[in-house]
Amino acid sequence: MTRSLRLRPICLLTALLIGLAAPVAAQTTPAEPAPVATQAEVQTAPAPVDTAAPAPAPQNAVMAALPHDLSPMGMFRQADIVVKAVMIGLVFASVVTWTILVAKALELLAAFRNIARTARRVEDAPHLDDALAGGEGRGPGLRMLAATARELNRSGPAQADVRGRIASHLVQIQARATREAARGTGLLATIGSTAPFVGLFGTVWGIMNSFIGISQAQTTNLAVVAPGIAEALLATALGLVAAIPAVVIYNLLARVTANYRLRLAEVGAGIERLVGRDIDRRAAGV
């Protein structure tokens, strides 16, 4: 029994040493080498695919090709030759419109002053000769007085139809004076009715060229087509600038001309009354 007690510590120490040696042996055991790919497998392996999104195309080239001056003068310089011709024609029509306004305003002002002086002379004169005396100028009122005196001297106051012939002279002179006062207003009517359509033609032509540019550039970027569309719309704007004043000025001159025709008719009626009194006095021997 004493011997067995002596062997027990030795067995325990031996078991402890064996337990400590097992992990160390497992750690020092060499690992199995990884399989090495052959040259054939390397050559046949697919190349890696780059799944990153492509970088956007640079916009410098597109922006460099676009016009930077979008002022009216800049758009005119960059426009197509047909659109330029339309714009020049519309600007010229606008200049003609304002020139006619200034010229007709001065002409009608002078005509109204002349017919007003003649109307006062006819109303104040007791006889036709008194109305003719001191008359200066070549206005329609003086022409009516001169034609009346000439027809009265040719026919004589005793003729019954002398008043009808005098009236025909007066109507003819009034019609001629009215036609002279309305001269040039027909051009305003033409500009007012055709200028919007001329501007629309320039717009259609410019937009057509813009769409052709889109097809050639193969892009739907609005910045490519916007300058061409702006140039085309400028033609429409110029058409309206030429047409609207032309219509307004035409209507204004038409009203003024109608008033002038009324003044001429009043002077003609005054001359007929003056001649009638002279004929009645001569028939009565006064």
Protein backbone atom coordinates (compact mmCIF):
# COMPACT_ATOMS: atom_id res chain seq x y z
CA MET A 1 0.00 0.00 0.00
CA THR A 2 2.85 2.32 0.65
CA ARG A 3 4.22 1.62 -2.81
CA SER A 4 0.94 2.52 -4.52
CA LEU A 5 0.87 5.86 -2.78
CA ARG A 6 4.33 6.63 -4.07
CA LEU A 7 3.38 5.80 -7.71
CA ARG A 8 0.27 7.97 -7.79
CA PRO A 9 2.08 11.35 -7.93
CA ILE A 10 4.29 10.04 -10.70
CA CYS A 11 1.24 9.02 -12.78
CA LEU A 12 -0.38 12.37 -12.27
CA LEU A 13 2.73 14.23 -13.37
CA THR A 14 3.06 12.02 -16.45
CA ALA A 15 -0.56 12.69 -17.48
CA LEU A 16 -0.07 16.43 -17.01
CA LEU A 17 2.99 16.45 -19.25
CA ILE A 18 1.20 14.50 -21.98
CA GLY A 19 -1.77 16.96 -21.93
CA LEU A 20 0.57 19.94 -22.30
CA ALA A 21 2.53 18.36 -25.14
CA ALA A 22 -0.55 17.60 -27.35
CA PRO A 23 -1.45 21.29 -28.25
CA VAL A 24 2.13 22.13 -28.95
CA ALA A 25 2.34 19.20 -31.39
CA ALA A 26 -0.85 20.30 -33.11
CA GLN A 27 0.47 23.84 -33.56
CA THR A 28 3.79 22.77 -35.00
CA THR A 29 2.24 20.37 -37.54
CA PRO A 30 2.75 21.91 -41.05
CA ALA A 31 -0.45 22.96 -42.88
CA GLU A 32 -1.39 21.49 -46.22
CA PRO A 33 -0.22 23.80 -49.05
CA ALA A 34 -2.89 25.64 -51.08
CA PRO A 35 -3.43 24.46 -54.66
CA VAL A 36 -1.50 26.48 -57.22
CA ALA A 37 -3.31 27.50 -60.44
CA THR A 38 -1.76 26.24 -63.60
CA GLN A 39 -0.73 28.47 -66.49
CA ALA A 40 -3.65 27.27 -68.60
CA GLU A 41 -6.11 28.18 -65.87
CA VAL A 42 -4.54 31.63 -65.56
CA GLN A 43 -4.82 32.26 -69.31
CA THR A 44 -8.45 31.10 -69.51
CA ALA A 45 -9.63 33.03 -66.45
CA PRO A 46 -12.09 35.83 -67.37
CA ALA A 47 -10.89 39.38 -66.98
CA PRO A 48 -12.44 41.36 -64.15
CA VAL A 49 -15.40 43.51 -65.24
CA ASP A 50 -15.45 47.14 -64.15
CA THR A 51 -18.96 47.76 -62.91
CA ALA A 52 -18.35 51.39 -62.05
CA ALA A 53 -20.57 53.95 -63.86
CA PRO A 54 -18.94 55.67 -66.85
CA ALA A 55 -17.77 59.20 -66.27
CA PRO A 56 -19.98 61.88 -67.81
CA ALA A 57 -18.86 63.39 -71.09
CA PRO A 58 -17.15 66.74 -70.70
CA GLN A 59 -19.40 69.73 -71.42
CA ASN A 60 -16.61 72.12 -72.31
CA ALA A 61 -16.73 71.25 -76.00
CA VAL A 62 -20.51 71.76 -76.16
CA MET A 63 -20.42 75.01 -74.23
CA ALA A 64 -17.57 76.32 -76.36
CA ALA A 65 -19.66 75.81 -79.50
CA LEU A 66 -22.63 77.77 -78.10
CA PRO A 67 -23.00 81.53 -78.67
CA HIS A 68 -22.39 83.57 -75.55
CA ASP A 69 -23.85 86.90 -76.79
CA LEU A 70 -27.64 86.55 -76.56
CA SER A 71 -28.41 90.26 -76.86
CA PRO A 72 -30.67 91.31 -79.78
CA MET A 73 -27.69 92.54 -81.80
CA GLY A 74 -25.68 89.42 -80.97
CA MET A 75 -28.54 87.14 -82.01
CA PHE A 76 -28.90 89.12 -85.24
CA ARG A 77 -25.23 88.63 -86.09
CA GLN A 78 -25.42 84.89 -85.41
CA ALA A 79 -28.72 84.31 -87.26
CA ASP A 80 -29.14 82.62 -90.61
CA ILE A 81 -28.99 84.77 -93.76
CA VAL A 82 -32.73 84.32 -94.40
CA VAL A 83 -33.61 85.31 -90.83
CA LYS A 84 -31.28 88.31 -91.14
CA ALA A 85 -33.06 89.42 -94.32
CA VAL A 86 -36.43 89.12 -92.57
CA MET A 87 -35.20 91.16 -89.59
CA ILE A 88 -33.74 93.89 -91.82
CA GLY A 89 -37.00 94.12 -93.77
CA LEU A 90 -39.07 94.41 -90.61
CA VAL A 91 -36.79 97.09 -89.15
CA PHE A 92 -37.05 99.02 -92.42
CA ALA A 93 -40.84 98.70 -92.33
CA SER A 94 -40.88 100.05 -88.79
CA VAL A 95 -38.75 103.03 -89.84
CA VAL A 96 -41.13 103.69 -92.75
CA THR A 97 -44.10 103.59 -90.37
CA TRP A 98 -42.70 106.24 -88.04
CA THR A 99 -41.54 108.36 -90.99
CA ILE A 100 -45.06 108.36 -92.42
CA LEU A 101 -46.44 109.35 -89.02
CA VAL A 102 -44.16 112.38 -88.74
CA ALA A 103 -44.69 113.45 -92.36
CA LYS A 104 -48.48 113.06 -92.28
CA ALA A 105 -48.74 114.80 -88.91
CA LEU A 106 -46.99 117.89 -90.29
CA GLU A 107 -48.97 117.75 -93.52
CA LEU A 108 -52.36 117.41 -91.85
CA LEU A 109 -51.54 120.10 -89.30
CA ALA A 110 -50.80 122.56 -92.12
CA ALA A 111 -53.93 121.44 -94.01
CA PHE A 112 -56.18 121.97 -90.97
CA ARG A 113 -54.76 125.44 -90.42
CA ASN A 114 -55.31 126.35 -94.06
CA ILE A 115 -58.89 125.10 -94.20
CA ALA A 116 -59.67 126.84 -90.91
CA ARG A 117 -58.51 130.20 -92.34
CA THR A 118 -60.62 129.64 -95.46
CA ALA A 119 -63.67 128.71 -93.39
CA ARG A 120 -63.39 131.95 -91.37
CA ARG A 121 -62.99 133.96 -94.57
CA VAL A 122 -66.07 132.41 -96.15
CA GLU A 123 -68.19 132.93 -93.04
CA ASP A 124 -67.13 136.58 -92.63
CA ALA A 125 -67.27 137.64 -96.30
CA PRO A 126 -70.53 139.23 -97.55
CA HIS A 127 -69.73 138.42 -101.19
CA LEU A 128 -67.70 135.87 -103.11
CA ASP A 129 -65.26 138.52 -104.29
CA ASP A 130 -64.59 139.53 -100.69
CA ALA A 131 -63.79 135.93 -99.81
CA LEU A 132 -61.33 135.73 -102.71
CA ALA A 133 -59.63 139.01 -101.83
CA GLY A 134 -56.43 138.59 -99.89
CA GLY A 135 -56.36 134.85 -100.22
CA GLU A 136 -52.85 133.43 -100.15
CA GLY A 137 -51.56 129.93 -100.63
CA ARG A 138 -52.72 126.96 -102.64
CA GLY A 139 -54.92 125.08 -100.23
CA PRO A 140 -58.10 123.26 -101.21
CA GLY A 141 -60.26 126.01 -99.70
CA LEU A 142 -58.78 128.66 -101.99
CA ARG A 143 -59.06 126.28 -104.94
CA MET A 144 -62.77 125.86 -104.21
CA LEU A 145 -63.25 129.65 -104.09
CA ALA A 146 -61.34 130.12 -107.34
CA ALA A 147 -63.24 127.34 -109.12
CA THR A 148 -66.55 128.79 -107.92
CA ALA A 149 -65.71 132.28 -109.18
CA ARG A 150 -64.47 130.91 -112.50
CA GLU A 151 -67.63 128.86 -113.10
CA LEU A 152 -69.84 131.76 -112.05
CA ASN A 153 -68.11 134.10 -114.52
CA ARG A 154 -68.36 131.55 -117.31
CA SER A 155 -72.00 130.69 -116.82
CA GLY A 156 -73.46 133.89 -115.48
CA PRO A 157 -75.71 134.18 -112.44
CA ALA A 158 -78.88 134.02 -114.56
CA GLN A 159 -78.44 130.37 -115.48
CA ALA A 160 -80.50 128.02 -113.37
CA ASP A 161 -77.99 125.14 -113.36
CA VAL A 162 -74.99 127.19 -112.27
CA ARG A 163 -75.30 126.02 -108.68
CA GLY A 164 -75.17 122.38 -109.74
CA ARG A 165 -72.00 122.93 -111.77
CA ILE A 166 -70.40 124.81 -108.90
CA ALA A 167 -71.30 121.93 -106.54
CA SER A 168 -69.67 119.42 -108.91
CA HIS A 169 -66.46 121.47 -108.89
CA LEU A 170 -66.47 121.65 -105.12
CA VAL A 171 -67.02 117.89 -104.71
CA GLN A 172 -64.19 117.16 -107.11
CA ILE A 173 -61.77 119.43 -105.26
CA GLN A 174 -62.80 117.93 -101.91
CA ALA A 175 -62.24 114.39 -103.16
CA ARG A 176 -58.81 115.30 -104.51
CA ALA A 177 -57.80 116.98 -101.25
CA THR A 178 -59.00 113.99 -99.22
CA ARG A 179 -57.02 111.63 -101.43
CA GLU A 180 -53.90 113.73 -100.95
CA ALA A 181 -54.42 113.72 -97.18
CA ALA A 182 -54.77 109.93 -97.16
CA ARG A 183 -51.73 109.35 -99.35
CA GLY A 184 -49.27 106.96 -97.68
CA THR A 185 -51.74 105.45 -95.24
CA GLY A 186 -52.28 102.47 -97.54
CA LEU A 187 -48.66 101.50 -96.96
CA LEU A 188 -49.35 101.47 -93.23
CA ALA A 189 -52.24 99.09 -93.78
CA THR A 190 -49.98 96.81 -95.81
CA ILE A 191 -47.28 96.80 -93.12
CA GLY A 192 -49.79 96.19 -90.36
CA SER A 193 -51.34 93.20 -92.12
CA THR A 194 -48.20 91.50 -93.49
CA ALA A 195 -45.46 92.19 -90.92
CA PRO A 196 -46.62 89.48 -88.44
CA PHE A 197 -46.61 86.86 -91.19
CA VAL A 198 -43.18 87.94 -92.41
CA GLY A 199 -41.87 87.62 -88.86
CA LEU A 200 -43.55 84.22 -88.56
CA PHE A 201 -41.78 83.08 -91.72
CA GLY A 202 -38.43 84.05 -90.18
CA THR A 203 -39.36 82.16 -87.00
CA VAL A 204 -40.30 79.00 -88.89
CA TRP A 205 -37.08 79.15 -90.86
CA GLY A 206 -34.96 79.62 -87.74
CA ILE A 207 -36.64 76.79 -85.83
CA MET A 208 -36.21 74.50 -88.83
CA ASN A 209 -32.48 75.22 -88.82
CA SER A 210 -32.37 74.57 -85.07
CA PHE A 211 -33.87 71.11 -85.49
CA ILE A 212 -31.42 70.39 -88.28
CA GLY A 213 -28.64 71.37 -85.88
CA ILE A 214 -30.04 68.96 -83.28
CA SER A 215 -29.96 66.08 -85.76
CA GLN A 216 -26.40 66.89 -86.80
CA ALA A 217 -25.16 67.23 -83.21
CA GLN A 218 -26.98 64.02 -82.22
CA THR A 219 -27.91 65.45 -78.85
CA THR A 220 -31.12 66.50 -77.17
CA ASN A 221 -29.43 69.07 -74.95
CA LEU A 222 -31.64 72.16 -74.85
CA ALA A 223 -28.59 74.41 -74.67
CA VAL A 224 -27.73 73.42 -78.25
CA VAL A 225 -31.07 74.45 -79.75
CA ALA A 226 -31.99 77.35 -77.46
CA PRO A 227 -29.91 80.07 -79.23
CA GLY A 228 -31.38 79.21 -82.63
CA ILE A 229 -34.91 79.27 -81.26
CA ALA A 230 -34.21 82.62 -79.56
CA GLU A 231 -32.98 84.07 -82.88
CA ALA A 232 -36.10 82.78 -84.61
CA LEU A 233 -38.40 84.28 -81.99
CA LEU A 234 -36.61 87.61 -82.38
CA ALA A 235 -37.97 87.73 -85.94
CA THR A 236 -41.52 87.33 -84.61
CA ALA A 237 -40.91 90.07 -82.05
CA LEU A 238 -39.70 92.43 -84.77
CA GLY A 239 -42.77 91.60 -86.84
CA LEU A 240 -45.01 92.63 -83.97
CA VAL A 241 -42.93 95.76 -83.36
CA ALA A 242 -43.48 96.76 -86.99
CA ALA A 243 -47.15 95.72 -87.22
CA ILE A 244 -48.69 97.07 -84.02
CA PRO A 245 -47.61 100.74 -84.47
CA ALA A 246 -48.56 100.56 -88.16
CA VAL A 247 -52.12 99.49 -87.33
CA VAL A 248 -52.49 102.09 -84.57
CA ILE A 249 -51.10 104.90 -86.72
CA TYR A 250 -53.26 103.86 -89.68
CA ASN A 251 -56.43 104.03 -87.58
CA LEU A 252 -55.37 107.39 -86.14
CA LEU A 253 -54.66 108.89 -89.55
CA ALA A 254 -57.92 107.46 -90.91
CA ARG A 255 -59.89 109.29 -88.19
CA VAL A 256 -57.97 112.52 -88.78
CA THR A 257 -58.51 112.26 -92.53
CA ALA A 258 -62.24 111.72 -92.01
CA ASN A 259 -62.34 114.86 -89.85
CA TYR A 260 -60.47 116.76 -92.54
CA ARG A 261 -62.95 115.59 -95.16
CA LEU A 262 -65.76 116.88 -92.94
CA ARG A 263 -64.06 120.28 -92.67
CA LEU A 264 -63.74 120.42 -96.46
CA ALA A 265 -67.44 119.64 -96.84
CA GLU A 266 -68.30 122.41 -94.38
CA VAL A 267 -66.23 124.94 -96.35
CA GLY A 268 -67.83 123.76 -99.60
CA ALA A 269 -71.30 124.18 -98.11
CA GLY A 270 -70.35 127.68 -96.93
CA ILE A 271 -69.19 128.60 -100.43
CA GLU A 272 -72.45 127.32 -101.92
CA ARG A 273 -74.43 129.45 -99.48
CA LEU A 274 -72.26 132.48 -100.31
CA VAL A 275 -72.80 131.98 -104.05
CA GLY A 276 -76.54 131.49 -103.53
CA ARG A 277 -76.81 134.81 -101.73
CA ASP A 278 -74.85 136.56 -104.51
CA ILE A 279 -77.10 135.06 -107.17
CA ASP A 280 -80.23 136.04 -105.28
CA ARG A 281 -78.96 139.63 -104.87
CA ARG A 282 -78.15 139.91 -108.56
CA ALA A 283 -81.53 138.48 -109.50
CA ALA A 284 -83.19 141.01 -107.20
CA GLY A 285 -81.06 143.83 -108.61
CA VAL A 286 -79.46 144.62 -105.28
